[in-house]
C-alpha atoms as a PDB file:
ATOM      1  CA  UNK A   1      87.316 132.154  95.164  1.00  0.00           C
ATOM      2  CA  UNK A   2      85.846 135.416  96.475  1.00  0.00           C
ATOM      3  CA  UNK A   3      86.644 136.602  99.993  1.00  0.00           C
ATOM      4  CA  UNK A   4      82.958 136.459 100.912  1.00  0.00           C
ATOM      5  CA  UNK A   5      82.503 132.912  99.654  1.00  0.00           C
ATOM      6  CA  UNK A   6      85.687 131.794 101.407  1.00  0.00           C
ATOM      7  CA  UNK A   7      84.416 133.324 104.659  1.00  0.00           C
ATOM      8  CA  UNK A   8      81.089 131.526 104.328  1.00  0.00           C
ATOM      9  CA  UNK A   9      82.848 128.196 103.746  1.00  0.00           C
ATOM     10  CA  UNK A  10      85.141 128.741 106.733  1.00  0.00           C
ATOM     11  CA  UNK A  11      82.219 129.716 108.951  1.00  0.00           C
ATOM     12  CA  UNK A  12      80.256 126.673 107.839  1.00  0.00           C
ATOM     13  CA  UNK A  13      83.214 124.430 108.621  1.00  0.00           C
ATOM     14  CA  UNK A  14      83.511 125.903 112.089  1.00  0.00           C
ATOM     15  CA  UNK A  15      79.789 125.476 112.647  1.00  0.00           C
ATOM     16  CA  UNK A  16      80.081 121.790 111.784  1.00  0.00           C
ATOM     17  CA  UNK A  17      83.128 121.288 113.998  1.00  0.00           C
ATOM     18  CA  UNK A  18      81.516 122.988 116.979  1.00  0.00           C
ATOM     19  CA  UNK A  19      78.019 121.623 116.483  1.00  0.00           C
ATOM     20  CA  UNK A  20      78.193 118.988 119.194  1.00  0.00           C
ATOM     21  CA  UNK A  21      79.666 121.354 121.783  1.00  0.00           C
ATOM     22  CA  UNK A  22      78.475 124.892 121.063  1.00  0.00           C
ATOM     23  CA  UNK A  23      75.633 126.663 119.262  1.00  0.00           C
ATOM     24  CA  UNK A  24      75.793 125.573 115.623  1.00  0.00           C
ATOM     25  CA  UNK A  25      75.729 129.233 114.669  1.00  0.00           C
ATOM     26  CA  UNK A  26      78.901 129.968 116.668  1.00  0.00           C
ATOM     27  CA  UNK A  27      81.211 129.491 113.689  1.00  0.00           C
ATOM     28  CA  UNK A  28      79.614 132.411 111.849  1.00  0.00           C
ATOM     29  CA  UNK A  29      81.258 134.784 114.300  1.00  0.00           C
ATOM     30  CA  UNK A  30      84.647 133.920 112.799  1.00  0.00           C
ATOM     31  CA  UNK A  31      83.697 136.041 109.790  1.00  0.00           C
ATOM     32  CA  UNK A  32      84.072 139.096 112.039  1.00  0.00           C
ATOM     33  CA  UNK A  33      86.637 137.589 114.414  1.00  0.00           C
ATOM     34  CA  UNK A  34      89.642 136.373 112.442  1.00  0.00           C
ATOM     35  CA  UNK A  35      93.268 137.245 111.861  1.00  0.00           C
ATOM     36  CA  UNK A  36      92.423 139.456 108.879  1.00  0.00           C
ATOM     37  CA  UNK A  37      89.770 141.631 110.524  1.00  0.00           C
ATOM     38  CA  UNK A  38      90.833 141.803 114.178  1.00  0.00           C
ATOM     39  CA  UNK A  39      93.387 144.070 115.837  1.00  0.00           C
ATOM     40  CA  UNK A  40      95.645 141.307 117.133  1.00  0.00           C
ATOM     41  CA  UNK A  41      97.227 143.641 119.668  1.00  0.00           C
ATOM     42  CA  UNK A  42      93.836 144.234 121.330  1.00  0.00           C
ATOM     43  CA  UNK A  43      91.671 141.206 120.574  1.00  0.00           C
ATOM     44  CA  UNK A  44      89.255 141.709 123.455  1.00  0.00           C
ATOM     45  CA  UNK A  45      88.319 145.122 122.115  1.00  0.00           C
ATOM     46  CA  UNK A  46      86.339 143.187 119.514  1.00  0.00           C
ATOM     47  CA  UNK A  47      82.770 142.364 120.503  1.00  0.00           C
ATOM     48  CA  UNK A  48      82.752 139.657 117.827  1.00  0.00           C
ATOM     49  CA  UNK A  49      85.791 137.937 119.349  1.00  0.00           C
ATOM     50  CA  UNK A  50      84.300 138.253 122.823  1.00  0.00           C
ATOM     51  CA  UNK A  51      81.075 136.672 121.551  1.00  0.00           C
ATOM     52  CA  UNK A  52      83.053 133.903 119.872  1.00  0.00           C
ATOM     53  CA  UNK A  53      85.034 133.231 123.053  1.00  0.00           C
ATOM     54  CA  UNK A  54      81.807 132.839 125.005  1.00  0.00           C
ATOM     55  CA  UNK A  55      80.020 130.590 122.524  1.00  0.00           C
ATOM     56  CA  UNK A  56      83.061 128.431 121.725  1.00  0.00           C
ATOM     57  CA  UNK A  57      84.454 128.102 125.237  1.00  0.00           C
ATOM     58  CA  UNK A  58      83.905 124.343 125.466  1.00  0.00           C
ATOM     59  CA  UNK A  59      86.238 123.975 122.495  1.00  0.00           C
ATOM     60  CA  UNK A  60      88.687 126.841 122.925  1.00  0.00           C
ATOM     61  CA  UNK A  61      89.749 128.782 125.962  1.00  0.00           C
ATOM     62  CA  UNK A  62      90.338 132.511 125.513  1.00  0.00           C
ATOM     63  CA  UNK A  63      94.083 131.754 125.398  1.00  0.00           C
ATOM     64  CA  UNK A  64      93.547 129.147 122.682  1.00  0.00           C
ATOM     65  CA  UNK A  65      91.540 131.638 120.638  1.00  0.00           C
ATOM     66  CA  UNK A  66      94.495 134.020 120.804  1.00  0.00           C
ATOM     67  CA  UNK A  67      96.763 131.234 119.557  1.00  0.00           C
ATOM     68  CA  UNK A  68      94.313 130.400 116.753  1.00  0.00           C
ATOM     69  CA  UNK A  69      94.278 134.056 115.700  1.00  0.00           C
ATOM     70  CA  UNK A  70      98.066 134.278 115.853  1.00  0.00           C
ATOM     71  CA  UNK A  71      97.740 137.047 118.439  1.00  0.00           C
ATOM     72  CA  UNK A  72     100.156 137.729 121.316  1.00  0.00           C
ATOM     73  CA  UNK A  73      99.249 135.989 124.560  1.00  0.00           C
ATOM     74  CA  UNK A  74      99.724 139.206 126.531  1.00  0.00           C
ATOM     75  CA  UNK A  75      96.552 141.165 125.743  1.00  0.00           C
ATOM     76  CA  UNK A  76      94.812 144.183 127.274  1.00  0.00           C
ATOM     77  CA  UNK A  77      91.739 143.302 129.304  1.00  0.00           C
ATOM     78  CA  UNK A  78      88.285 143.099 127.786  1.00  0.00           C
ATOM     79  CA  UNK A  79      87.356 146.673 126.985  1.00  0.00           C
ATOM     80  CA  UNK A  80      84.259 148.415 128.246  1.00  0.00           C
ATOM     81  CA  UNK A  81      83.231 149.042 124.626  1.00  0.00           C
ATOM     82  CA  UNK A  82      83.371 145.327 123.807  1.00  0.00           C
ATOM     83  CA  UNK A  83      81.430 144.534 126.970  1.00  0.00           C
ATOM     84  CA  UNK A  84      78.790 147.102 126.047  1.00  0.00           C
ATOM     85  CA  UNK A  85      78.502 145.416 122.667  1.00  0.00           C
ATOM     86  CA  UNK A  86      77.696 142.175 124.471  1.00  0.00           C
ATOM     87  CA  UNK A  87      75.378 143.652 127.097  1.00  0.00           C
ATOM     88  CA  UNK A  88      73.450 146.168 124.951  1.00  0.00           C
ATOM     89  CA  UNK A  89      75.067 148.956 126.955  1.00  0.00           C
ATOM     90  CA  UNK A  90      74.069 147.623 130.360  1.00  0.00           C
ATOM     91  CA  UNK A  91      76.557 147.386 133.232  1.00  0.00           C
ATOM     92  CA  UNK A  92      75.542 143.720 133.663  1.00  0.00           C
ATOM     93  CA  UNK A  93      75.687 140.951 131.074  1.00  0.00           C
ATOM     94  CA  UNK A  94      72.606 138.731 131.207  1.00  0.00           C
ATOM     95  CA  UNK A  95      71.681 135.781 129.055  1.00  0.00           C
ATOM     96  CA  UNK A  96      68.946 137.829 127.385  1.00  0.00           C
ATOM     97  CA  UNK A  97      71.335 140.620 126.399  1.00  0.00           C
ATOM     98  CA  UNK A  98      73.975 138.140 125.224  1.00  0.00           C
ATOM     99  CA  UNK A  99      71.361 136.275 123.202  1.00  0.00           C
ATOM    100  CA  UNK A 100      70.123 139.460 121.530  1.00  0.00           C
ATOM    101  CA  UNK A 101      73.584 140.709 120.538  1.00  0.00           C
ATOM    102  CA  UNK A 102      74.705 137.224 119.534  1.00  0.00           C
ATOM    103  CA  UNK A 103      71.715 136.706 117.227  1.00  0.00           C
ATOM    104  CA  UNK A 104      72.333 140.102 115.652  1.00  0.00           C
ATOM    105  CA  UNK A 105      75.989 139.204 115.036  1.00  0.00           C
ATOM    106  CA  UNK A 106      75.086 135.879 113.433  1.00  0.00           C
ATOM    107  CA  UNK A 107      72.550 137.583 111.183  1.00  0.00           C
ATOM    108  CA  UNK A 108      75.079 140.268 110.211  1.00  0.00           C
ATOM    109  CA  UNK A 109      77.485 137.511 109.172  1.00  0.00           C
ATOM    110  CA  UNK A 110      74.820 135.967 106.952  1.00  0.00           C
ATOM    111  CA  UNK A 111      74.287 133.018 109.252  1.00  0.00           C
ATOM    112  CA  UNK A 112      71.233 131.316 110.676  1.00  0.00           C
ATOM    113  CA  UNK A 113      70.280 131.116 114.346  1.00  0.00           C
ATOM    114  CA  UNK A 114      68.041 128.204 115.303  1.00  0.00           C
ATOM    115  CA  UNK A 115      66.338 129.197 118.543  1.00  0.00           C
ATOM    116  CA  UNK A 116      65.294 125.621 119.329  1.00  0.00           C
ATOM    117  CA  UNK A 117      68.822 124.196 119.197  1.00  0.00           C
ATOM    118  CA  UNK A 118      71.120 127.203 119.530  1.00  0.00           C
ATOM    119  CA  UNK A 119      69.195 128.897 122.341  1.00  0.00           C
ATOM    120  CA  UNK A 120      69.738 126.202 125.001  1.00  0.00           C
ATOM    121  CA  UNK A 121      73.376 125.754 123.954  1.00  0.00           C
ATOM    122  CA  UNK A 122      74.084 129.482 124.165  1.00  0.00           C
ATOM    123  CA  UNK A 123      72.418 129.656 127.565  1.00  0.00           C
ATOM    124  CA  UNK A 124      74.576 126.815 128.823  1.00  0.00           C
ATOM    125  CA  UNK A 125      77.696 128.608 127.575  1.00  0.00           C
ATOM    126  CA  UNK A 126      76.568 131.709 129.455  1.00  0.00           C
ATOM    127  CA  UNK A 127      76.076 129.668 132.632  1.00  0.00           C
ATOM    128  CA  UNK A 128      79.626 128.325 132.421  1.00  0.00           C
ATOM    129  CA  UNK A 129      80.990 131.872 132.514  1.00  0.00           C
ATOM    130  CA  UNK A 130      78.464 132.791 135.206  1.00  0.00           C
ATOM    131  CA  UNK A 131      79.694 129.923 137.361  1.00  0.00           C
ATOM    132  CA  UNK A 132      83.348 130.792 136.851  1.00  0.00           C
ATOM    133  CA  UNK A 133      82.649 134.361 137.983  1.00  0.00           C
ATOM    134  CA  UNK A 134      80.298 133.298 140.808  1.00  0.00           C
ATOM    135  CA  UNK A 135      77.308 135.036 139.260  1.00  0.00           C
ATOM    136  CA  UNK A 136      74.756 132.250 139.125  1.00  0.00           C
ATOM    137  CA  UNK A 137      72.048 134.857 139.727  1.00  0.00           C
ATOM    138  CA  UNK A 138      72.304 135.491 135.988  1.00  0.00           C
ATOM    139  CA  UNK A 139      74.034 138.891 135.828  1.00  0.00           C
ATOM    140  CA  UNK A 140      77.778 139.209 135.181  1.00  0.00           C
ATOM    141  CA  UNK A 141      79.381 142.629 135.839  1.00  0.00           C
ATOM    142  CA  UNK A 142      82.038 143.989 133.505  1.00  0.00           C
ATOM    143  CA  UNK A 143      84.944 143.439 135.912  1.00  0.00           C
ATOM    144  CA  UNK A 144      84.015 139.805 136.518  1.00  0.00           C
ATOM    145  CA  UNK A 145      83.734 139.039 132.813  1.00  0.00           C
ATOM    146  CA  UNK A 146      87.035 140.798 132.138  1.00  0.00           C
ATOM    147  CA  UNK A 147      88.562 138.530 134.798  1.00  0.00           C
ATOM    148  CA  UNK A 148      87.170 135.503 132.961  1.00  0.00           C
ATOM    149  CA  UNK A 149      88.869 136.567 129.724  1.00  0.00           C
ATOM    150  CA  UNK A 150      92.158 137.273 131.504  1.00  0.00           C
ATOM    151  CA  UNK A 151      92.407 134.393 133.955  1.00  0.00           C
ATOM    152  CA  UNK A 152      90.138 131.461 133.048  1.00  0.00           C
ATOM    153  CA  UNK A 153      92.829 129.934 130.819  1.00  0.00           C
ATOM    154  CA  UNK A 154      95.526 130.164 133.492  1.00  0.00           C
ATOM    155  CA  UNK A 155      96.556 126.885 135.104  1.00  0.00           C
ATOM    156  CA  UNK A 156      95.924 127.073 138.834  1.00  0.00           C
ATOM    157  CA  UNK A 157      93.120 129.639 138.616  1.00  0.00           C
ATOM    158  CA  UNK A 158      89.918 127.808 139.475  1.00  0.00           C
ATOM    159  CA  UNK A 159      86.298 128.818 138.900  1.00  0.00           C
ATOM    160  CA  UNK A 160      84.519 130.412 141.833  1.00  0.00           C
ATOM    161  CA  UNK A 161      81.697 127.887 141.484  1.00  0.00           C
ATOM    162  CA  UNK A 162      81.996 124.574 139.650  1.00  0.00           C
ATOM    163  CA  UNK A 163      78.642 124.994 137.922  1.00  0.00           C
ATOM    164  CA  UNK A 164      75.384 126.914 138.185  1.00  0.00           C
ATOM    165  CA  UNK A 165      73.491 123.652 137.814  1.00  0.00           C
ATOM    166  CA  UNK A 166      74.171 120.006 137.181  1.00  0.00           C
ATOM    167  CA  UNK A 167      74.513 120.118 133.401  1.00  0.00           C
ATOM    168  CA  UNK A 168      77.632 122.076 132.490  1.00  0.00           C
ATOM    169  CA  UNK A 169      80.845 122.374 134.461  1.00  0.00           C
ATOM    170  CA  UNK A 170      82.627 125.723 134.503  1.00  0.00           C
ATOM    171  CA  UNK A 171      85.656 124.166 132.857  1.00  0.00           C
ATOM    172  CA  UNK A 172      86.575 121.037 130.944  1.00  0.00           C
ATOM    173  CA  UNK A 173      90.004 120.327 132.341  1.00  0.00           C
ATOM    174  CA  UNK A 174      91.606 120.572 135.775  1.00  0.00           C
ATOM    175  CA  UNK A 175      92.214 124.180 136.727  1.00  0.00           C
ATOM    176  CA  UNK A 176      95.310 123.276 138.711  1.00  0.00           C
ATOM    177  CA  UNK A 177      98.449 121.334 137.951  1.00  0.00           C
ATOM    178  CA  UNK A 178      99.357 117.947 139.348  1.00  0.00           C
ATOM    179  CA  UNK A 179     102.246 118.084 141.832  1.00  0.00           C
ATOM    180  CA  UNK A 180     105.575 116.689 140.704  1.00  0.00           C
ATOM    181  CA  UNK A 181     105.055 113.602 142.899  1.00  0.00           C
ATOM    182  CA  UNK A 182     102.219 112.525 140.605  1.00  0.00           C
ATOM    183  CA  UNK A 183     104.812 111.523 137.985  1.00  0.00           C
ATOM    184  CA  UNK A 184     102.118 110.925 135.360  1.00  0.00           C
ATOM    185  CA  UNK A 185     100.308 108.342 137.476  1.00  0.00           C
ATOM    186  CA  UNK A 186      96.924 110.084 137.518  1.00  0.00           C
ATOM    187  CA  UNK A 187      96.958 110.414 133.725  1.00  0.00           C
ATOM    188  CA  UNK A 188      97.478 106.654 133.511  1.00  0.00           C
ATOM    189  CA  UNK A 189      94.420 106.142 135.742  1.00  0.00           C
ATOM    190  CA  UNK A 190      92.419 108.452 133.459  1.00  0.00           C
ATOM    191  CA  UNK A 191      93.536 106.412 130.441  1.00  0.00           C
ATOM    192  CA  UNK A 192      92.380 103.180 132.065  1.00  0.00           C
ATOM    193  CA  UNK A 193      89.140 104.787 133.229  1.00  0.00           C
ATOM    194  CA  UNK A 194      88.287 105.611 129.601  1.00  0.00           C
ATOM    195  CA  UNK A 195      87.968 101.896 128.840  1.00  0.00           C
ATOM    196  CA  UNK A 196      84.994 101.511 131.193  1.00  0.00           C
ATOM    197  CA  UNK A 197      83.572 104.954 131.902  1.00  0.00           C
ATOM    198  CA  UNK A 198      80.509 104.524 129.675  1.00  0.00           C
ATOM    199  CA  UNK A 199      79.420 101.655 131.926  1.00  0.00           C
ATOM    200  CA  UNK A 200      79.251 104.098 134.827  1.00  0.00           C
ATOM    201  CA  UNK A 201      82.225 105.892 136.308  1.00  0.00           C
ATOM    202  CA  UNK A 202      81.594 104.695 139.848  1.00  0.00           C
ATOM    203  CA  UNK A 203      81.082 101.087 138.784  1.00  0.00           C
ATOM    204  CA  UNK A 204      84.805 100.463 138.313  1.00  0.00           C
ATOM    205  CA  UNK A 205      87.882 100.975 140.429  1.00  0.00           C
ATOM    206  CA  UNK A 206      89.875 102.889 137.814  1.00  0.00           C
ATOM    207  CA  UNK A 207      87.449 105.781 137.382  1.00  0.00           C
ATOM    208  CA  UNK A 208      86.879 105.938 141.126  1.00  0.00           C
ATOM    209  CA  UNK A 209      90.610 106.257 141.752  1.00  0.00           C
ATOM    210  CA  UNK A 210      90.966 108.691 138.836  1.00  0.00           C
ATOM    211  CA  UNK A 211      88.398 110.953 140.489  1.00  0.00           C
ATOM    212  CA  UNK A 212      90.389 110.829 143.717  1.00  0.00           C
ATOM    213  CA  UNK A 213      93.752 111.700 142.161  1.00  0.00           C
ATOM    214  CA  UNK A 214      92.204 114.405 139.968  1.00  0.00           C
ATOM    215  CA  UNK A 215      91.487 116.270 143.184  1.00  0.00           C
ATOM    216  CA  UNK A 216      95.233 116.882 143.462  1.00  0.00           C
ATOM    217  CA  UNK A 217      94.858 119.196 140.442  1.00  0.00           C
ATOM    218  CA  UNK A 218      91.774 120.905 141.885  1.00  0.00           C
ATOM    219  CA  UNK A 219      89.513 118.966 139.531  1.00  0.00           C
ATOM    220  CA  UNK A 220      86.094 117.829 140.701  1.00  0.00           C
ATOM    221  CA  UNK A 221      84.605 114.462 139.710  1.00  0.00           C
ATOM    222  CA  UNK A 222      82.543 116.352 137.102  1.00  0.00           C
ATOM    223  CA  UNK A 223      85.689 117.764 135.532  1.00  0.00           C
ATOM    224  CA  UNK A 224      87.393 114.368 135.629  1.00  0.00           C
ATOM    225  CA  UNK A 225      84.493 112.816 133.712  1.00  0.00           C
ATOM    226  CA  UNK A 226      84.602 115.556 131.081  1.00  0.00           C
ATOM    227  CA  UNK A 227      88.348 115.124 130.722  1.00  0.00           C
ATOM    228  CA  UNK A 228      88.011 111.380 130.073  1.00  0.00           C
ATOM    229  CA  UNK A 229      85.272 111.673 127.439  1.00  0.00           C
ATOM    230  CA  UNK A 230      86.568 112.335 123.898  1.00  0.00           C
ATOM    231  CA  UNK A 231      86.143 115.873 122.617  1.00  0.00           C
ATOM    232  CA  UNK A 232      83.759 114.766 119.866  1.00  0.00           C
ATOM    233  CA  UNK A 233      81.131 113.654 122.388  1.00  0.00           C
ATOM    234  CA  UNK A 234      78.498 116.365 122.789  1.00  0.00           C
ATOM    235  CA  UNK A 235      78.087 118.063 126.153  1.00  0.00           C
ATOM    236  CA  UNK A 236      74.582 116.793 126.667  1.00  0.00           C
ATOM    237  CA  UNK A 237      75.838 113.237 126.160  1.00  0.00           C
ATOM    238  CA  UNK A 238      78.451 113.518 128.912  1.00  0.00           C
ATOM    239  CA  UNK A 239      76.987 112.539 132.283  1.00  0.00           C
ATOM    240  CA  UNK A 240      77.548 114.522 135.436  1.00  0.00           C
ATOM    241  CA  UNK A 241      78.790 112.906 138.624  1.00  0.00           C
ATOM    242  CA  UNK A 242      75.426 113.483 140.282  1.00  0.00           C
ATOM    243  CA  UNK A 243      73.520 111.765 137.470  1.00  0.00           C
ATOM    244  CA  UNK A 244      75.469 108.507 137.701  1.00  0.00           C
ATOM    245  CA  UNK A 245      74.587 105.449 139.733  1.00  0.00           C
ATOM    246  CA  UNK A 246      76.161 105.521 143.172  1.00  0.00           C
ATOM    247  CA  UNK A 247      79.497 103.923 143.892  1.00  0.00           C
ATOM    248  CA  UNK A 248      79.329 100.159 143.484  1.00  0.00           C
ATOM    249  CA  UNK A 249      79.565  98.423 146.844  1.00  0.00           C
ATOM    250  CA  UNK A 250      81.625  95.746 145.110  1.00  0.00           C
ATOM    251  CA  UNK A 251      84.164  98.357 144.016  1.00  0.00           C
ATOM    252  CA  UNK A 252      84.300  99.721 147.550  1.00  0.00           C
ATOM    253  CA  UNK A 253      84.767  96.237 149.018  1.00  0.00           C
ATOM    254  CA  UNK A 254      87.512  95.432 146.502  1.00  0.00           C
ATOM    255  CA  UNK A 255      89.395  98.506 147.632  1.00  0.00           C
ATOM    256  CA  UNK A 256      88.846  97.990 151.360  1.00  0.00           C
ATOM    257  CA  UNK A 257      89.088  94.213 151.478  1.00  0.00           C
ATOM    258  CA  UNK A 258      85.525  94.103 152.780  1.00  0.00           C
ATOM    259  CA  UNK A 259      86.037  96.622 155.578  1.00  0.00           C
ATOM    260  CA  UNK A 260      83.276  99.123 156.320  1.00  0.00           C
ATOM    261  CA  UNK A 261      85.596 102.107 155.893  1.00  0.00           C
ATOM    262  CA  UNK A 262      88.279 103.020 153.387  1.00  0.00           C
ATOM    263  CA  UNK A 263      91.567 103.882 155.056  1.00  0.00           C
ATOM    264  CA  UNK A 264      94.575 105.806 153.836  1.00  0.00           C
ATOM    265  CA  UNK A 265      96.445 102.523 153.464  1.00  0.00           C
ATOM    266  CA  UNK A 266      93.561 101.148 151.382  1.00  0.00           C
ATOM    267  CA  UNK A 267      93.831 104.198 149.115  1.00  0.00           C
ATOM    268  CA  UNK A 268      97.591 103.763 148.727  1.00  0.00           C
ATOM    269  CA  UNK A 269      97.349 100.030 148.036  1.00  0.00           C
ATOM    270  CA  UNK A 270      94.504 100.456 145.537  1.00  0.00           C
ATOM    271  CA  UNK A 271      96.257 103.301 143.724  1.00  0.00           C
ATOM    272  CA  UNK A 272      99.535 101.458 143.300  1.00  0.00           C
ATOM    273  CA  UNK A 273      97.652  98.264 142.448  1.00  0.00           C
ATOM    274  CA  UNK A 274      95.750  99.998 139.642  1.00  0.00           C
ATOM    275  CA  UNK A 275      99.094 101.060 138.160  1.00  0.00           C
ATOM    276  CA  UNK A 276     100.443  97.502 138.117  1.00  0.00           C
ATOM    277  CA  UNK A 277      99.902  95.406 134.971  1.00  0.00           C
ATOM    278  CA  UNK A 278      97.906  98.266 133.506  1.00  0.00           C
ATOM    279  CA  UNK A 279      95.068  97.985 131.003  1.00  0.00           C
ATOM    280  CA  UNK A 280      95.210  99.154 127.411  1.00  0.00           C
ATOM    281  CA  UNK A 281      92.933  98.947 124.382  1.00  0.00           C
ATOM    282  CA  UNK A 282      93.249  96.505 121.511  1.00  0.00           C
ATOM    283  CA  UNK A 283      90.990  98.759 119.470  1.00  0.00           C
ATOM    284  CA  UNK A 284      87.371  99.670 118.972  1.00  0.00           C
ATOM    285  CA  UNK A 285      85.397 102.899 119.267  1.00  0.00           C
ATOM    286  CA  UNK A 286      84.963 104.800 122.508  1.00  0.00           C
ATOM    287  CA  UNK A 287      82.523 102.903 124.686  1.00  0.00           C
ATOM    288  CA  UNK A 288      83.183  99.609 122.904  1.00  0.00           C
ATOM    289  CA  UNK A 289      86.933  99.179 123.220  1.00  0.00           C
ATOM    290  CA  UNK A 290      88.560  95.804 123.827  1.00  0.00           C
ATOM    291  CA  UNK A 291      90.626  96.054 127.024  1.00  0.00           C
ATOM    292  CA  UNK A 292      93.674  93.906 127.613  1.00  0.00           C
ATOM    293  CA  UNK A 293      96.319  93.820 130.313  1.00  0.00           C
ATOM    294  CA  UNK A 294      99.562  95.183 128.938  1.00  0.00           C
ATOM    295  CA  UNK A 295     101.983  93.707 131.443  1.00  0.00           C
ATOM    296  CA  UNK A 296     103.309  97.236 131.978  1.00  0.00           C
ATOM    297  CA  UNK A 297     103.676  98.882 135.358  1.00  0.00           C
ATOM    298  CA  UNK A 298     103.425 102.539 136.308  1.00  0.00           C
ATOM    299  CA  UNK A 299     104.209 105.269 136.160  1.00  0.00           C
ATOM    300  CA  UNK A 300     103.985 105.267 139.937  1.00  0.00           C
ATOM    301  CA  UNK A 301     104.031 108.383 142.120  1.00  0.00           C
ATOM    302  CA  UNK A 302     107.479 109.301 143.320  1.00  0.00           C
ATOM    303  CA  UNK A 303     106.132 109.196 146.878  1.00  0.00           C
ATOM    304  CA  UNK A 304     103.080 107.745 148.594  1.00  0.00           C
ATOM    305  CA  UNK A 305     102.666 111.208 150.125  1.00  0.00           C
ATOM    306  CA  UNK A 306     100.971 112.093 146.845  1.00  0.00           C
ATOM    307  CA  UNK A 307      98.151 109.665 147.660  1.00  0.00           C
ATOM    308  CA  UNK A 308      98.038 110.921 151.245  1.00  0.00           C
ATOM    309  CA  UNK A 309      97.553 114.477 150.044  1.00  0.00           C
ATOM    310  CA  UNK A 310      94.590 113.779 147.751  1.00  0.00           C
ATOM    311  CA  UNK A 311      93.017 111.317 150.194  1.00  0.00           C
ATOM    312  CA  UNK A 312      93.013 113.920 152.973  1.00  0.00           C
ATOM    313  CA  UNK A 313      90.946 116.189 150.702  1.00  0.00           C
ATOM    314  CA  UNK A 314      88.276 113.492 150.555  1.00  0.00           C
ATOM    315  CA  UNK A 315      88.563 112.876 154.293  1.00  0.00           C
ATOM    316  CA  UNK A 316      88.102 116.596 154.950  1.00  0.00           C
ATOM    317  CA  UNK A 317      85.014 116.871 152.742  1.00  0.00           C
ATOM    318  CA  UNK A 318      83.462 113.856 154.467  1.00  0.00           C
ATOM    319  CA  UNK A 319      84.382 115.034 157.973  1.00  0.00           C
ATOM    320  CA  UNK A 320      86.866 112.265 158.702  1.00  0.00           C
ATOM    321  CA  UNK A 321      90.134 114.138 159.213  1.00  0.00           C
ATOM    322  CA  UNK A 322      90.871 112.554 162.581  1.00  0.00           C
ATOM    323  CA  UNK A 323      90.983 108.962 161.371  1.00  0.00           C
ATOM    324  CA  UNK A 324      91.249 109.321 157.572  1.00  0.00           C
ATOM    325  CA  UNK A 325      88.753 106.428 157.562  1.00  0.00           C
ATOM    326  CA  UNK A 326      85.910 107.125 155.124  1.00  0.00           C
ATOM    327  CA  UNK A 327      82.727 104.990 155.225  1.00  0.00           C
ATOM    328  CA  UNK A 328      81.055 103.813 152.034  1.00  0.00           C
ATOM    329  CA  UNK A 329      78.188 106.329 152.125  1.00  0.00           C
ATOM    330  CA  UNK A 330      80.584 109.230 152.661  1.00  0.00           C
ATOM    331  CA  UNK A 331      82.786 108.239 149.730  1.00  0.00           C
ATOM    332  CA  UNK A 332      79.758 107.655 147.508  1.00  0.00           C
ATOM    333  CA  UNK A 333      78.453 111.104 148.474  1.00  0.00           C
ATOM    334  CA  UNK A 334      81.804 112.716 147.658  1.00  0.00           C
ATOM    335  CA  UNK A 335      81.863 111.135 144.199  1.00  0.00           C
ATOM    336  CA  UNK A 336      78.294 112.196 143.428  1.00  0.00           C
ATOM    337  CA  UNK A 337      77.869 115.538 145.116  1.00  0.00           C
ATOM    338  CA  UNK A 338      81.203 117.251 145.795  1.00  0.00           C
ATOM    339  CA  UNK A 339      81.290 118.798 142.306  1.00  0.00           C
ATOM    340  CA  UNK A 340      78.307 121.017 143.078  1.00  0.00           C
ATOM    341  CA  UNK A 341      78.934 121.597 146.782  1.00  0.00           C
ATOM    342  CA  UNK A 342      81.265 124.625 146.592  1.00  0.00           C
ATOM    343  CA  UNK A 343      82.756 123.216 149.812  1.00  0.00           C
ATOM    344  CA  UNK A 344      86.524 122.762 149.907  1.00  0.00           C
ATOM    345  CA  UNK A 345      87.720 122.039 153.454  1.00  0.00           C
ATOM    346  CA  UNK A 346      91.165 120.739 154.318  1.00  0.00           C
ATOM    347  CA  UNK A 347      92.438 118.644 157.192  1.00  0.00           C
END
C-alpha cells in the first residue's frame, strides 16, 4: 500500500471517529500532523498539529495528542511561527482566520471541507478555547493560546470562563481533582446518574447529588452532564444545564423531607443514602438501560466533611452561608445557571 493511500485511509478513519464531536474534516490534518512528519521534540511548532489540537479538542486534550504522537510530555510552548500559521500572521487569532487556515490545510491534505456542517463545528471548537482563555470577544492573543496548549490538560487548572455561550463547555471533564475524602463516592453517583440522565438530570436525586459533589473537583453542572454522557454522543445532542427542566420539586422534597429549605444535614443524609444499596444496569443501550438495585453499599466518603465542603460552595453561590439552608428556587437556580455565571464565591 502506498504511503499516500495509507494516509488517506488513516485520515478518513479519523474523520469518521471524530464526526460526532468535531468537524468531519478534522482527521485530514493527521496527514500533516503525525509521528512520521512532526518534530516530536517541538510538536507545537507545527501549525498542522496546532490546528488538529483545536479541532479535535473534544476528543483529545493537547496532552493526549502528545501521547498519541509518542512525543514527550514536556514540550516547548506554542511557537510564534505556528501561531502565525493559524492567525494568517495577525497578533490575534479569530474564528475567521482559523477557518481560513484550517480550510487551506484540509485542502492541502486532499480532504473536503463542508461549510454547512464543518463550519459550525469548527466555530464551536474555537469558542471552547476562547472561553478557556477568557476571550469571548472573539480574539485570542498569542500568549493566551500558548497558555491553552501548555496548561489546559493539567488537572487543577480551570478555564477562565466555563463557556462563551450555552452550547459548548470549555472542557469535558472536571478541571480539578476530587479530595481524598471523596473515596470514589462521587464517581459512584455519576455512574448511577447515567441510568436516568436522559430523562432529565434534575428530575432524579442521583444526578442532582452528582452535580453537587462534582463541585468538589471544580466541575460545573454542565461539565458533570458532559462527563456522564458517553463519548459517542455528539456534542449537539448533549444538553446543557440551562436547557434542562428545572429541579423537580418531588426530588427536592425527597431530599428535604418536605421542608422548604435544604440543610447541610439533608445533603449529608441524601448523599450517604444514595450510596446505600446502589443501582446498577442489567443491560441495554445508553438511555434505555434496565436499572436494578445491587445490594452493594458505597464507597462512602471517609468523612462527612467532604459533603460539608461541597455543600458550602452551593450555599455561597446562593447567598446562604450563614445558615447553610438553601431554598428550592436557589438550588434550582444553581443547577441551571451556575455553569455560565462565572461567579465562584466561598463561605
